[in-house]
Protein backbone atom coordinates (compact mmCIF):
# COMPACT_ATOMS: atom_id res chain seq x y z
CA MET A 1 -0.22 -21.79 14.57
CA VAL A 2 -2.42 -18.92 14.34
CA GLU A 3 -2.67 -16.08 16.58
CA GLY A 4 -5.27 -13.51 16.88
CA SER A 5 -4.47 -9.95 18.24
CA ASN A 6 -7.10 -7.43 18.09
CA ASN A 7 -5.72 -4.92 20.44
CA SER A 8 -2.55 -5.57 22.58
CA THR A 9 0.99 -6.44 21.75
CA THR A 10 1.85 -10.13 21.76
CA THR A 11 3.56 -10.94 25.26
CA ARG A 12 6.31 -12.53 25.12
CA ASN A 13 9.40 -14.31 27.64
CA VAL A 14 12.27 -11.78 26.62
CA ARG A 15 15.90 -12.02 27.41
CA ARG A 16 17.15 -8.42 29.40
CA GLY A 17 17.40 -5.62 27.09
CA PRO A 18 19.46 -2.74 26.95
CA ASN A 19 18.29 0.06 29.22
CA ARG A 20 18.05 3.55 28.45
CA ARG A 21 21.52 4.62 30.33
CA GLU A 22 22.87 2.02 28.07
CA LEU A 23 21.55 2.98 24.46
CA LEU A 24 22.31 6.60 25.36
CA ALA A 25 25.76 5.39 26.15
CA ALA A 26 26.65 3.51 23.30
CA GLY A 27 24.72 6.26 20.94
CA VAL A 28 22.15 4.38 19.57
CA ALA A 29 18.94 5.80 20.35
CA THR A 30 18.11 6.71 16.79
CA ALA A 31 16.58 10.05 15.58
CA ALA A 32 13.39 11.77 14.79
CA VAL A 33 14.40 10.51 11.21
CA THR A 34 13.51 6.60 12.12
CA GLY A 35 11.09 6.77 14.95
CA PHE A 36 12.51 4.14 17.00
CA PRO A 37 14.70 4.33 20.34
CA TYR A 38 16.12 0.96 19.96
CA ILE A 39 15.43 -2.80 18.53
CA SER A 40 15.60 -5.31 21.61
CA ARG A 41 17.00 -8.93 20.18
CA GLY A 42 14.81 -10.46 23.46
CA TYR A 43 12.54 -12.67 21.88
CA ALA A 44 11.06 -16.19 22.95
CA ALA A 45 12.38 -19.00 21.12
CA GLN A 46 9.44 -21.11 20.29
CA THR A 47 8.18 -18.89 16.88
CA LEU A 48 8.59 -16.03 14.69
CA LYS A 49 5.94 -13.94 14.78
CA PHE A 50 4.07 -12.65 11.55
CA TRP A 51 2.01 -9.27 12.07
CA GLN A 52 -0.32 -8.94 8.91
CA PHE A 53 -3.74 -7.41 8.22
CA TYR A 54 -5.06 -10.53 6.75
CA GLY A 55 -5.80 -13.73 8.98
CA PRO A 56 -6.94 -15.52 10.82
CA GLY A 57 -10.05 -13.54 11.42
CA GLY A 58 -9.55 -10.85 8.57
CA GLY A 59 -12.52 -11.16 7.57
CA VAL A 60 -12.45 -12.22 4.21
CA ALA A 61 -12.81 -16.34 3.50
CA THR A 62 -9.96 -16.51 0.94
CA GLN A 63 -7.40 -14.60 2.00
CA ASP A 64 -7.14 -15.72 5.67
CA LYS A 65 -7.17 -19.51 4.56
CA TRP A 66 -4.57 -18.54 2.15
CA PHE A 67 -2.26 -17.29 5.24
CA VAL A 68 -3.15 -19.41 7.38
CA ASP A 69 -2.21 -22.38 4.63
CA LEU A 70 0.89 -20.37 3.91
CA ALA A 71 1.52 -20.85 7.81
CA LYS A 72 0.83 -24.39 7.88
CA SER A 73 2.52 -25.46 4.52
CA TRP A 74 6.16 -23.95 5.99
CA ASN A 75 5.07 -25.58 9.90
CA ASP A 76 4.73 -29.07 8.37
CA SER A 77 7.99 -29.21 7.37
CA HIS A 78 10.30 -26.86 8.81
CA GLU A 79 11.58 -26.89 12.43
CA VAL A 80 11.27 -23.14 13.33
CA LYS A 81 7.82 -22.48 13.46
CA VAL A 82 5.51 -19.25 12.08
CA GLU A 83 2.85 -17.98 13.89
CA LEU A 84 0.19 -15.67 12.37
CA VAL A 85 -0.90 -12.30 14.56
CA TYR A 86 -3.99 -10.80 13.02
CA VAL A 87 -4.01 -6.65 13.23
CA PRO A 88 -7.42 -4.86 12.21
CA ASN A 89 -6.20 -2.97 8.41
CA ASN A 90 -6.70 0.50 9.35
CA ALA A 91 -4.59 -0.28 12.65
CA TYR A 92 -1.99 -1.67 10.97
CA MET A 93 -1.73 0.93 7.55
CA ASP A 94 -2.37 3.94 9.50
CA GLY A 95 -2.09 3.33 13.34
CA THR A 96 0.76 3.87 15.47
CA LYS A 97 0.73 -0.14 16.54
CA LEU A 98 3.49 -1.75 14.67
CA PRO A 99 6.19 1.24 15.16
CA THR A 100 5.22 1.96 18.99
CA ALA A 101 6.10 -1.79 18.88
CA PHE A 102 9.24 -1.74 17.50
CA ALA A 103 9.73 1.72 19.50
CA SER A 104 9.38 -0.70 22.76
CA GLY A 105 11.72 -3.55 21.40
CA ALA A 106 8.59 -5.89 20.12
CA GLY A 107 8.60 -5.77 16.77
CA PRO A 108 8.16 -8.68 14.79
CA ASP A 109 10.07 -11.09 13.57
CA LEU A 110 7.97 -10.63 10.15
CA PHE A 111 5.19 -8.54 8.77
CA ILE A 112 4.66 -6.54 5.69
CA ILE A 113 5.00 -3.24 4.63
CA SER A 114 4.02 -1.11 1.75
CA PRO A 115 6.87 0.64 -0.11
CA GLY A 116 5.77 4.17 1.27
CA ASP A 117 6.47 3.26 4.43
CA PHE A 118 9.84 1.06 3.42
CA LEU A 119 12.11 3.96 4.77
CA ARG A 120 10.67 4.35 8.11
CA TYR A 121 12.14 0.71 8.59
CA TYR A 122 15.04 0.59 6.50
CA ASN A 123 16.37 3.50 8.03
CA GLY A 124 15.58 2.70 11.30
CA GLY A 125 17.49 -0.66 10.90
CA VAL A 126 15.00 -2.99 11.41
CA LEU A 127 14.96 -4.95 7.87
CA LEU A 128 16.93 -7.81 7.34
CA ASP A 129 19.13 -8.12 3.66
CA LEU A 130 16.88 -11.24 2.37
CA THR A 131 19.35 -11.52 -0.68
CA PRO A 132 21.19 -14.16 0.56
CA PHE A 133 18.18 -16.86 0.81
CA MET A 134 17.47 -16.43 -2.77
CA GLU A 135 19.03 -17.82 -6.30
CA GLN A 136 19.74 -15.49 -8.22
CA SER A 137 17.39 -16.81 -10.86
CA ALA A 138 14.35 -16.22 -8.11
CA ARG A 139 15.79 -13.03 -7.91
CA ASP A 140 15.81 -11.78 -11.44
CA ASP A 141 12.53 -12.98 -11.58
CA PHE A 142 10.77 -10.00 -10.04
CA LEU A 143 10.04 -7.30 -12.36
CA PRO A 144 12.32 -4.84 -11.92
CA SER A 145 10.03 -1.87 -11.85
CA VAL A 146 8.12 -3.44 -8.85
CA ILE A 147 11.51 -4.95 -6.67
CA ALA A 148 13.56 -1.65 -7.14
CA ASN A 149 11.74 0.54 -4.22
CA ARG A 150 12.17 -2.95 -1.77
CA MET A 151 16.67 -2.50 -2.51
CA VAL A 152 19.27 -0.89 -1.37
CA ASP A 153 22.66 -0.70 -2.83
CA GLY A 154 21.81 -3.97 -4.85
CA LYS A 155 20.77 -5.73 -1.29
CA ILE A 156 16.42 -7.17 -1.68
CA TYR A 157 15.09 -6.04 1.76
CA GLY A 158 11.61 -6.70 1.21
CA LEU A 159 9.70 -9.65 -1.00
CA PRO A 160 6.40 -7.98 -2.96
CA TYR A 161 3.41 -10.57 -3.81
CA GLU A 162 1.22 -8.38 -5.34
CA VAL A 163 1.30 -4.67 -7.20
CA GLU A 164 -1.66 -3.08 -6.57
CA PRO A 165 -2.69 -0.40 -9.89
CA MET A 166 -5.27 1.98 -9.33
CA ALA A 167 -8.51 2.76 -10.87
CA MET A 168 -11.84 4.03 -10.90
CA TYR A 169 -14.82 1.48 -10.54
CA TYR A 170 -18.67 2.90 -11.63
CA SER A 171 -21.77 1.49 -11.07
CA VAL A 172 -24.12 0.24 -14.46
CA ASP A 173 -27.19 0.85 -13.21
CA ALA A 174 -26.32 4.36 -11.21
CA PHE A 175 -25.22 5.17 -15.08
CA ASN A 176 -28.52 3.45 -16.54
CA GLU A 177 -30.23 5.83 -14.27
CA VAL A 178 -29.49 9.32 -15.15
CA GLY A 179 -29.18 7.68 -19.37
CA LEU A 180 -25.20 7.77 -19.21
CA THR A 181 -23.42 4.90 -20.95
CA GLU A 182 -19.92 3.75 -21.35
CA LYS A 183 -19.81 6.33 -24.46
CA ASP A 184 -19.53 8.71 -21.44
CA ILE A 185 -16.96 7.37 -18.96
CA PRO A 186 -14.91 10.06 -18.45
CA LYS A 187 -11.56 10.87 -20.05
CA THR A 188 -10.68 13.92 -17.90
CA TRP A 189 -10.70 15.92 -14.60
CA ASP A 190 -13.59 18.21 -16.25
CA ASP A 191 -15.32 15.03 -17.51
CA LEU A 192 -15.23 13.10 -14.37
CA LEU A 193 -16.80 16.50 -11.97
CA SER A 194 -19.12 17.03 -14.67
CA VAL A 195 -20.28 12.97 -14.93
CA ALA A 196 -20.07 12.99 -11.15
CA LYS A 197 -22.95 15.70 -10.74
CA LYS A 198 -25.16 13.69 -12.89
CA LEU A 199 -24.92 10.82 -10.68
CA THR A 200 -25.35 12.79 -7.41
CA ASN A 201 -28.32 13.03 -5.55
CA GLN A 202 -30.18 13.23 -2.43
CA LYS A 203 -29.04 9.61 -1.10
CA ARG A 204 -25.75 8.97 -3.66
CA TYR A 205 -22.44 10.65 -4.47
CA GLY A 206 -21.24 11.30 -8.15
CA VAL A 207 -17.77 9.83 -6.67
CA LEU A 208 -15.71 9.33 -3.79
CA PHE A 209 -11.85 9.83 -3.44
CA GLU A 210 -10.23 8.88 0.09
CA THR A 211 -10.75 11.39 2.90
CA ASN A 212 -9.04 9.53 5.81
CA PRO A 213 -5.42 10.91 5.98
CA GLY A 214 -2.11 7.96 5.64
CA TYR A 215 -0.15 5.95 3.81
CA TYR A 216 -3.33 4.85 2.03
CA GLN A 217 -4.75 8.64 0.88
CA ASN A 218 -1.22 9.87 -0.29
CA PHE A 219 -0.94 6.58 -2.61
CA THR A 220 -4.19 7.45 -3.91
CA TRP A 221 -3.27 10.50 -4.96
CA TYR A 222 0.19 10.51 -6.68
CA PRO A 223 -1.46 9.43 -9.57
CA PHE A 224 -3.26 12.74 -10.11
CA LEU A 225 0.09 14.55 -8.71
CA TRP A 226 2.02 12.77 -11.87
CA GLU A 227 -0.92 13.27 -14.39
CA ALA A 228 -0.71 17.15 -13.77
CA GLY A 229 3.39 16.83 -14.77
CA GLY A 230 4.12 17.08 -11.00
CA ASP A 231 6.56 15.33 -8.35
CA PHE A 232 7.86 15.32 -5.11
CA GLN A 233 11.34 15.16 -5.49
CA THR A 234 14.29 16.65 -8.05
CA LYS A 235 17.13 14.58 -9.20
CA ASP A 236 19.24 16.73 -7.41
CA GLY A 237 17.05 15.58 -4.07
CA LYS A 238 16.01 18.70 -3.67
CA SER A 239 11.92 19.31 -3.35
CA ALA A 240 9.31 19.72 -6.52
CA PHE A 241 6.47 20.06 -5.06
CA ASN A 242 5.83 23.71 -5.40
CA THR A 243 4.46 23.74 -8.82
CA PRO A 244 1.60 24.40 -10.57
CA ALA A 245 0.85 20.44 -11.24
CA THR A 246 0.67 20.24 -7.50
CA ALA A 247 -1.53 22.67 -7.07
CA ALA A 248 -3.52 21.63 -9.56
CA ALA A 249 -4.08 18.22 -8.47
CA LEU A 250 -4.88 19.18 -4.82
CA LYS A 251 -7.83 21.87 -5.88
CA PHE A 252 -8.65 18.42 -8.70
CA TRP A 253 -9.77 16.67 -5.35
CA GLN A 254 -10.61 19.69 -3.54
CA ASP A 255 -12.99 20.55 -6.44
CA ALA A 256 -14.72 17.12 -5.85
CA ILE A 257 -15.56 18.00 -2.46
CA ASN A 258 -16.22 21.62 -2.52
CA THR A 259 -19.23 21.19 -5.67
CA GLY A 260 -20.70 18.17 -3.34
CA VAL A 261 -20.46 15.36 -6.02
CA ALA A 262 -17.45 13.60 -3.40
CA PRO A 263 -18.28 12.80 0.30
CA ARG A 264 -16.31 14.05 3.20
CA LYS A 265 -16.09 10.70 4.58
CA PRO A 266 -16.50 6.82 3.09
CA LEU A 267 -18.27 4.14 3.96
CA GLY A 268 -16.78 0.85 5.92
CA GLY A 269 -12.77 0.63 6.30
CA GLY A 270 -11.79 3.87 3.93
CA ALA A 271 -11.67 4.31 0.19
CA TRP A 272 -10.55 1.22 -0.11
CA ASP A 273 -13.08 -0.51 0.90
CA SER A 274 -15.77 -1.05 -1.92
CA VAL A 275 -18.51 -2.51 -0.92
CA PRO A 276 -19.70 -0.16 1.76
CA ASN A 277 -19.29 2.65 -1.00
CA LEU A 278 -19.88 1.79 -4.70
CA GLY A 279 -21.42 -1.71 -3.77
CA SER A 280 -24.21 0.36 -1.19
CA GLY A 281 -25.19 2.37 -3.65
CA TYR A 282 -23.53 5.33 -0.98
CA CYS A 283 -21.23 6.60 -4.22
CA ALA A 284 -21.22 6.44 -8.20
CA MET A 285 -18.12 6.16 -8.85
CA GLN A 286 -15.43 5.47 -6.17
CA ASN A 287 -11.15 5.97 -6.68
CA THR A 288 -9.77 2.60 -5.73
CA GLY A 289 -7.50 -0.46 -6.36
CA ILE A 290 -7.56 -3.51 -8.65
CA TRP A 291 -8.32 -5.50 -5.10
CA ALA A 292 -11.80 -4.33 -5.69
CA ILE A 293 -12.91 -6.73 -8.16
CA ALA A 294 -11.94 -9.75 -5.29
CA GLN A 295 -13.91 -7.44 -2.79
CA LEU A 296 -16.99 -7.13 -5.09
CA ARG A 297 -16.45 -10.65 -6.19
CA GLU A 298 -17.53 -12.20 -2.61
CA GLY A 299 -19.23 -9.09 -1.31
CA ALA A 300 -21.46 -7.78 -3.97
CA PRO A 301 -21.45 -10.97 -6.31
CA ASP A 302 -24.71 -9.59 -7.83
CA PHE A 303 -23.62 -5.62 -8.08
CA LYS A 304 -23.12 -4.73 -11.84
CA TYR A 305 -19.89 -2.54 -11.71
CA GLY A 306 -17.38 -1.15 -14.78
CA VAL A 307 -13.70 -0.53 -14.61
CA PHE A 308 -12.20 2.52 -16.35
CA LYS A 309 -8.60 4.06 -16.47
CA LEU A 310 -7.92 7.30 -14.10
CA PRO A 311 -8.98 10.35 -16.21
CA THR A 312 -6.30 13.10 -17.34
CA PRO A 313 -5.99 17.03 -17.10
CA PRO A 314 -5.69 19.28 -19.35
CA GLY A 315 -2.87 18.21 -21.60
CA GLY A 316 -1.82 15.24 -19.24
CA LYS A 317 -0.79 11.87 -19.85
CA TYR A 318 -2.23 8.79 -18.16
CA LEU A 319 -0.99 7.37 -15.51
CA THR A 320 -1.27 5.06 -12.51
CA ILE A 321 0.47 3.65 -9.73
CA GLY A 322 1.55 0.44 -9.01
CA GLY A 323 2.00 -0.36 -4.85
CA GLY A 324 1.64 -3.59 -3.20
CA TRP A 325 3.09 -5.14 0.22
CA ALA A 326 5.58 -6.77 0.35
CA PHE A 327 6.94 -9.68 3.31
CA VAL A 328 9.67 -8.46 5.73
CA ALA A 329 11.83 -10.05 7.99
CA ASN A 330 12.97 -8.33 11.36
CA ALA A 331 16.81 -8.32 11.33
CA LYS A 332 16.81 -8.20 15.09
CA GLY A 333 14.57 -10.69 15.63
CA PHE A 334 14.93 -13.93 17.56
CA ASN A 335 15.80 -15.72 14.70
CA PRO A 336 16.36 -13.24 11.37
CA LYS A 337 17.95 -16.79 9.44
CA ALA A 338 14.67 -18.66 9.97
CA ALA A 339 12.53 -15.28 9.45
CA GLY A 340 14.50 -14.83 5.81
CA GLU A 341 14.29 -18.16 5.23
CA PHE A 342 10.69 -17.78 5.52
CA VAL A 343 10.04 -15.28 3.75
CA ALA A 344 12.44 -16.50 0.27
CA TRP A 345 10.38 -19.57 0.66
CA ALA A 346 7.03 -18.17 0.73
CA LEU A 347 7.42 -15.68 -2.18
CA GLY A 348 11.22 -15.84 -3.56
CA SER A 349 11.75 -19.67 -4.41
CA PRO A 350 10.12 -21.11 -7.22
CA LYS A 351 11.35 -24.76 -6.53
CA ASP A 352 9.58 -24.31 -3.01
CA GLY A 353 6.27 -23.27 -5.17
CA SER A 354 6.74 -19.12 -4.41
CA THR A 355 5.22 -19.26 -7.97
CA GLY A 356 2.23 -21.17 -7.13
CA ARG A 357 1.36 -19.28 -4.50
CA ILE A 358 1.68 -15.78 -5.80
CA VAL A 359 -0.68 -17.08 -8.85
CA ASP A 360 -3.44 -17.91 -6.08
CA TRP A 361 -3.21 -15.09 -4.45
CA CYS A 362 -3.35 -12.49 -7.16
CA THR A 363 -5.98 -14.15 -9.00
CA LYS A 364 -8.15 -16.56 -6.42
CA ALA A 365 -7.51 -15.46 -2.63
CA LYS A 366 -7.29 -11.37 -3.60
CA SER A 367 -7.72 -9.82 -7.14
CA ASP A 368 -4.03 -8.05 -8.08
CA MET A 369 -0.91 -8.37 -10.67
CA PRO A 370 1.46 -10.32 -9.78
CA PRO A 371 5.40 -8.89 -9.17
CA THR A 372 7.35 -12.22 -10.91
CA LYS A 373 7.33 -12.71 -14.37
CA SER A 374 6.83 -16.56 -13.77
CA ALA A 375 3.35 -15.94 -11.84
CA LEU A 376 2.39 -13.96 -14.82
CA ASP A 377 3.18 -16.64 -17.14
CA ALA A 378 1.86 -18.89 -14.96
CA GLY A 379 -1.41 -17.06 -14.29
CA LYS A 380 -1.99 -15.63 -18.11
CA ALA A 381 -5.51 -17.55 -18.51
CA ALA A 382 -6.58 -15.87 -15.31
CA PHE A 383 -5.00 -12.29 -16.61
CA GLU A 384 -6.46 -12.35 -19.49
CA THR A 385 -10.13 -12.95 -18.52
CA GLY A 386 -12.48 -10.72 -17.05
CA PHE A 387 -11.53 -7.15 -15.31
CA LEU A 388 -8.36 -8.67 -14.63
CA LYS A 389 -7.96 -8.12 -18.62
CA THR A 390 -8.64 -4.92 -18.26
CA PHE A 391 -6.56 -4.07 -15.81
CA THR A 392 -3.73 -5.94 -17.81
CA ASP A 393 -4.41 -4.16 -21.18
CA GLU A 394 -5.21 -0.82 -20.23
CA ILE A 395 -4.83 -0.33 -16.74
CA TYR A 396 -1.18 -1.54 -15.60
CA PRO A 397 0.78 -0.41 -18.05
CA GLY A 398 0.56 3.47 -17.41
CA ALA A 399 1.82 2.12 -13.86
CA ARG A 400 4.58 3.80 -12.09
CA ALA A 401 5.91 2.10 -8.73
CA GLU A 402 4.42 3.56 -5.57
CA PRO A 403 7.47 6.23 -3.69
CA ARG A 404 9.53 5.75 -0.69
CA MET A 405 10.00 8.51 1.96
CA PRO A 406 10.87 9.10 4.23
CA PRO A 407 8.08 9.81 7.23
CA PRO A 408 8.50 13.36 7.37
CA VAL A 409 7.80 13.70 3.77
CA TYR A 410 5.45 11.75 3.14
CA LYS A 411 3.62 13.59 6.39
CA ALA A 412 4.22 17.47 4.42
CA ILE A 413 2.20 16.34 1.43
CA SER A 414 -0.60 14.14 3.58
CA ASP A 415 -0.97 17.86 5.50
CA ALA A 416 -1.16 19.81 1.93
CA ILE A 417 -4.04 16.85 1.15
CA GLN A 418 -6.11 17.44 3.74
CA GLY A 419 -5.47 20.90 3.80
CA CYS A 420 -6.59 21.45 0.76
CA GLN A 421 -9.63 18.41 0.84
CA LEU A 422 -11.39 19.21 3.81
CA ASN A 423 -10.09 22.40 5.20
CA GLY A 424 -10.42 25.05 2.12
CA GLN A 425 -6.74 25.52 2.10
CA ASP A 426 -5.35 27.32 -1.27
CA PRO A 427 -3.48 24.67 -3.24
CA ALA A 428 -0.77 27.24 -4.26
CA GLN A 429 -0.07 27.85 -0.86
CA ALA A 430 -0.37 24.52 0.63
CA ALA A 431 2.28 22.96 -2.08
CA LYS A 432 4.49 25.87 -1.23
CA ALA A 433 3.92 25.11 2.75
CA ALA A 434 4.85 21.48 2.24
CA SER A 435 7.75 21.81 -0.16
CA ASP A 436 9.50 24.10 2.39
CA GLN A 437 8.78 21.47 4.83
CA ILE A 438 10.60 18.86 2.86
CA ASP A 439 13.45 20.95 1.22
CA ALA A 440 14.29 21.86 5.17
CA PHE A 441 14.33 17.70 5.77
CA LEU A 442 15.54 17.06 2.43
CA SER A 443 18.94 19.39 3.82
CA GLY A 444 19.71 17.18 6.75
CA TYR A 445 18.46 13.83 5.31
CA LYS A 446 21.36 10.67 5.35
CA GLY A 447 19.30 7.47 4.73
CA ALA A 448 18.81 5.61 2.16
CA PRO A 449 17.69 6.86 -1.37
CA ILE A 450 14.02 8.26 -1.72
CA LEU A 451 12.72 6.74 -4.56
């Protein structure tokens, strides 16, 4: 069963939830940490609503089909059905649709989240413990570095279906046009800006980074922070953001804009969207993830491009980030048991075909690294071919897991990036201001561990 929903929250017949007076009396109106006033248990019992940004009608036929086939396969063999609800990518990732739905007591039974937003929903009491629905062998199949930021106290609250390391992509024709070859591929931050200057002309920018604020922009910036030797939290739970490394990473992105080699605004959906940016000739190099292989394969099959590792600052060590999305279940939905069973069946039960589904997603529907050992082995031929091999051999080995942090910490970092990149703020001052905000929040933080 599928349902398109671009603009409005799905309407259901609901049982009466508690009113505001009852909530306050019970002491369950949540604090600003969670962002959720309450979660209603009232749901119609016909289907499990599954919110995501792939289908039906999501625009990428292979990914749309994977989700539609997944729902059909479950529905053909289970009494409780799953109904896909499509939410446009930008509205899902950086909009208010999902948190607003939960705040009003109408959150979906099933949805997808990235590690960056995990604590919003875990601390809000939304996420169902999926551990009881999985066999031990299936739990052990997930790579420890991938599953760790979906766990709390040894329990699993989300099952990933992909790992998405970041890299740099470049246009072969643009390089050839200005006399550059593979030998000129940038290895340092300074190299990147220098090469970008050569590639910039009246119709094309030399390089592109994300400029739209949101979780995705933070995600793409973290590797540069780490490469410079920085971080956002110390081992004793205090801010580590006020450092020269942070200022250097902020200044690097600022310099790209200020020197005119990078645009203030990407085309299409954002800097994650490769076809309208790199593929169209809007930029000659683009900072984006492994998924761009599939985007360019489907949307610009004749486009010639190359991929290289993120450049490093002076004295820095190469690192990238291993993000990716995960299925999660609403602990307060009308049928959490069925929702948990679906997530485990889909992604955490090799005997029910989860390994094959993950391989198909990572190698056919999209282009990603797999989160499980069995999928990595089963898809070995694909991961040893073409640009997936480049990621497997050269890029992915330097991946560090995407950090999970509460919204106030994410927002302080986002404000620093935006202030420096687009508004001329001094990087050192921005780092200090963000660090002070982070420390103020962490001093009273009582939620799950920040990783």
